[in-house]
């Protein structure tokens, strides 16, 4: 199994809005891609910002490519 990780930050006042966006786009798109084994979105407050860590679990790099395209390191 392969863990793919992405990090993002936003203002704390927009954290709920950003979390909704991640769920409606990244999480949904990952979960419907064959070979995805699960998605976890973590959030923490860092002063006046929110940091998000997006973990997705995959069967293979081929499965990741189905989601991300040829460059598996590039954010989607």
Protein backbone atom coordinates (compact mmCIF):
# COMPACT_ATOMS: atom_id res chain seq x y z
CA UNK A 1 0.00 0.00 0.00
CA UNK A 2 1.19 3.54 -0.81
CA UNK A 3 0.42 6.67 1.20
CA UNK A 4 0.15 9.90 -0.77
CA UNK A 5 0.32 13.08 1.30
CA UNK A 6 -0.54 16.68 0.57
CA UNK A 7 -0.50 19.72 2.89
CA UNK A 8 -2.30 23.03 2.68
CA UNK A 9 -2.92 26.08 4.85
CA UNK A 10 -5.64 28.70 5.08
CA UNK A 11 -6.83 31.35 7.52
CA UNK A 12 -8.47 29.82 10.60
CA UNK A 13 -11.62 31.81 9.87
CA UNK A 14 -11.94 29.94 6.55
CA UNK A 15 -11.05 26.47 7.87
CA UNK A 16 -14.58 25.06 7.69
CA UNK A 17 -15.05 26.39 4.17
CA UNK A 18 -11.72 24.88 3.09
CA UNK A 19 -12.56 21.53 4.70
CA UNK A 20 -15.85 21.44 2.78
CA UNK A 21 -14.01 22.19 -0.45
CA UNK A 22 -11.56 19.33 0.17
CA UNK A 23 -14.41 16.91 0.88
CA UNK A 24 -16.35 17.95 -2.21
CA UNK A 25 -13.35 17.72 -4.55
CA UNK A 26 -10.25 15.81 -3.46
CA UNK A 27 -11.86 13.30 -1.12
CA UNK A 28 -14.74 12.53 -3.48
CA UNK A 29 -12.47 12.21 -6.50
CA UNK A 30 -9.99 9.97 -4.68
CA UNK A 31 -12.65 7.67 -3.29
CA UNK A 32 -14.21 7.05 -6.71
CA UNK A 33 -10.84 6.19 -8.29
CA UNK A 34 -10.21 2.43 -8.57
CA UNK A 35 -7.32 1.44 -6.31
CA UNK A 36 -7.98 4.04 -3.62
CA UNK A 37 -8.11 2.36 -0.21
CA UNK A 38 -9.15 5.38 1.85
CA UNK A 39 -8.71 9.07 2.53
CA UNK A 40 -7.98 10.91 5.77
CA UNK A 41 -8.07 14.69 6.14
CA UNK A 42 -6.46 16.05 9.28
CA UNK A 43 -6.78 19.63 10.49
CA UNK A 44 -5.00 21.56 13.20
CA UNK A 45 -4.92 25.15 14.33
CA UNK A 46 -1.61 27.00 14.19
CA UNK A 47 -2.25 30.46 15.66
CA UNK A 48 -4.50 32.21 13.13
CA UNK A 49 -4.14 29.55 10.42
CA UNK A 50 -5.46 26.07 9.82
CA UNK A 51 -3.12 23.42 8.46
CA UNK A 52 -4.62 20.52 6.55
CA UNK A 53 -2.89 17.21 5.88
CA UNK A 54 -4.53 15.07 3.21
CA UNK A 55 -3.59 11.37 3.25
CA UNK A 56 -4.78 8.97 0.59
CA UNK A 57 -4.00 5.25 0.53
CA UNK A 58 -3.46 3.45 -2.77
CA UNK A 59 -2.93 -0.07 -4.10
CA UNK A 60 -0.23 1.01 -6.57
CA UNK A 61 1.39 3.88 -8.43
CA UNK A 62 -0.82 2.99 -11.40
CA UNK A 63 -3.85 3.65 -9.21
CA UNK A 64 -2.41 7.02 -8.17
CA UNK A 65 -1.81 7.89 -11.83
CA UNK A 66 -5.48 7.21 -12.56
CA UNK A 67 -6.26 9.97 -10.06
CA UNK A 68 -3.32 12.38 -10.41
CA UNK A 69 -2.08 11.85 -13.94
CA UNK A 70 1.47 10.94 -14.98
CA UNK A 71 3.23 13.05 -12.31
CA UNK A 72 2.25 11.40 -9.02
CA UNK A 73 4.12 14.11 -7.06
CA UNK A 74 2.00 16.94 -8.47
CA UNK A 75 -0.92 18.21 -6.39
CA UNK A 76 -4.33 17.68 -7.95
